[in-house]
Amino acid sequence: MTALVLMIPLAATSTAGAIRRLGGARWRWLHRLVYVTGVCAVLHYLWLAKKANPAPYYYAAAFIVLMAIRAWDWSRRASKSPLPGGERVG
């Protein structure tokens, strides 16, 4: 239910007009709820499944791999962005 409720503002703000009204930074912040929704969905599927069904574990593993790739990309971009004062990390 939490994942469904979190998807409502994402669906309501996915139009070009909503992005313009919210502004890019606020829209991106709001749409980061998709990560919370993904965690809720994976947990729900794991709790729903029986022990003999391996499918939820495959989905959980895929979600973890995708989030790890996303975290690696975020850290790579953060290390390339210049800090105040013109220095770079790394």
Protein backbone atom coordinates (compact mmCIF):
# COMPACT_ATOMS: atom_id res chain seq x y z
CA MET A 1 0.00 0.00 0.00
CA THR A 2 2.89 2.34 0.76
CA ALA A 3 4.37 1.84 -2.70
CA LEU A 4 1.01 2.56 -4.30
CA VAL A 5 0.52 5.73 -2.27
CA LEU A 6 4.05 6.90 -3.13
CA MET A 7 3.36 6.39 -6.84
CA ILE A 8 0.38 8.78 -6.84
CA PRO A 9 2.41 12.03 -6.64
CA LEU A 10 4.86 10.63 -9.18
CA ALA A 11 2.07 9.97 -11.66
CA ALA A 12 0.45 13.33 -10.98
CA THR A 13 3.69 15.25 -11.64
CA SER A 14 4.91 13.38 -14.71
CA THR A 15 3.53 15.87 -17.23
CA ALA A 16 5.53 18.69 -18.79
CA GLY A 17 3.24 21.26 -17.14
CA ALA A 18 3.79 19.78 -13.69
CA ILE A 19 7.55 19.77 -14.20
CA ARG A 20 7.41 23.43 -15.23
CA ARG A 21 5.26 24.39 -12.23
CA LEU A 22 7.40 22.49 -9.71
CA GLY A 23 10.72 23.49 -11.19
CA GLY A 24 13.40 20.99 -12.15
CA ALA A 25 15.09 20.63 -8.77
CA ARG A 26 11.87 20.06 -6.81
CA TRP A 27 10.58 17.68 -9.47
CA ARG A 28 13.80 15.60 -9.33
CA TRP A 29 13.62 15.53 -5.52
CA LEU A 30 10.02 14.34 -5.64
CA HIS A 31 10.74 11.69 -8.24
CA ARG A 32 13.42 10.16 -6.07
CA LEU A 33 10.48 8.55 -4.27
CA VAL A 34 10.71 5.91 -6.96
CA TYR A 35 13.65 4.37 -5.07
CA VAL A 36 11.57 4.08 -1.89
CA THR A 37 8.77 2.59 -3.98
CA GLY A 38 11.17 0.03 -5.43
CA VAL A 39 12.32 -1.04 -1.96
CA CYS A 40 8.70 -1.35 -0.81
CA ALA A 41 7.80 -3.43 -3.86
CA VAL A 42 10.74 -5.81 -3.39
CA LEU A 43 9.98 -6.22 0.32
CA HIS A 44 6.32 -6.88 -0.44
CA TYR A 45 7.21 -9.55 -2.98
CA LEU A 46 9.66 -11.18 -0.58
CA TRP A 47 7.11 -11.24 2.25
CA LEU A 48 4.41 -12.57 -0.07
CA ALA A 49 6.45 -15.45 -1.50
CA LYS A 50 6.70 -18.93 -0.17
CA LYS A 51 10.08 -20.44 0.68
CA ALA A 52 10.11 -22.74 -2.35
CA ASN A 53 9.65 -19.86 -4.81
CA PRO A 54 13.02 -18.35 -5.81
CA ALA A 55 11.57 -15.64 -8.09
CA PRO A 56 11.36 -12.87 -5.43
CA TYR A 57 15.02 -13.36 -4.66
CA TYR A 58 15.91 -12.88 -8.33
CA TYR A 59 13.94 -9.64 -8.38
CA ALA A 60 15.57 -8.50 -5.15
CA ALA A 61 19.02 -9.33 -6.54
CA ALA A 62 18.27 -7.45 -9.76
CA PHE A 63 17.06 -4.43 -7.77
CA ILE A 64 20.20 -4.48 -5.60
CA VAL A 65 22.45 -4.69 -8.67
CA LEU A 66 20.63 -1.82 -10.36
CA MET A 67 20.79 0.34 -7.23
CA ALA A 68 24.51 -0.46 -6.85
CA ILE A 69 25.09 0.68 -10.45
CA ARG A 70 23.10 3.83 -9.74
CA ALA A 71 25.10 4.53 -6.55
CA TRP A 72 28.37 3.98 -8.40
CA ASP A 73 27.25 6.42 -11.12
CA TRP A 74 26.24 9.03 -8.51
CA SER A 75 29.61 8.75 -6.76
CA ARG A 76 31.47 8.94 -10.08
CA ARG A 77 29.61 12.10 -11.06
CA ALA A 78 30.11 13.64 -7.62
CA SER A 79 33.85 13.06 -7.79
CA LYS A 80 34.04 14.79 -11.18
CA SER A 81 32.11 17.88 -10.14
CA PRO A 82 34.35 20.74 -9.07
CA LEU A 83 34.24 21.76 -5.45
CA PRO A 84 34.02 25.39 -4.36
CA GLY A 85 37.52 26.73 -4.82
CA GLY A 86 38.16 24.83 -8.06
CA GLU A 87 39.53 21.61 -6.51
CA ARG A 88 38.40 18.14 -7.47
CA VAL A 89 37.96 15.09 -5.28
CA GLY A 90 39.94 12.01 -6.16
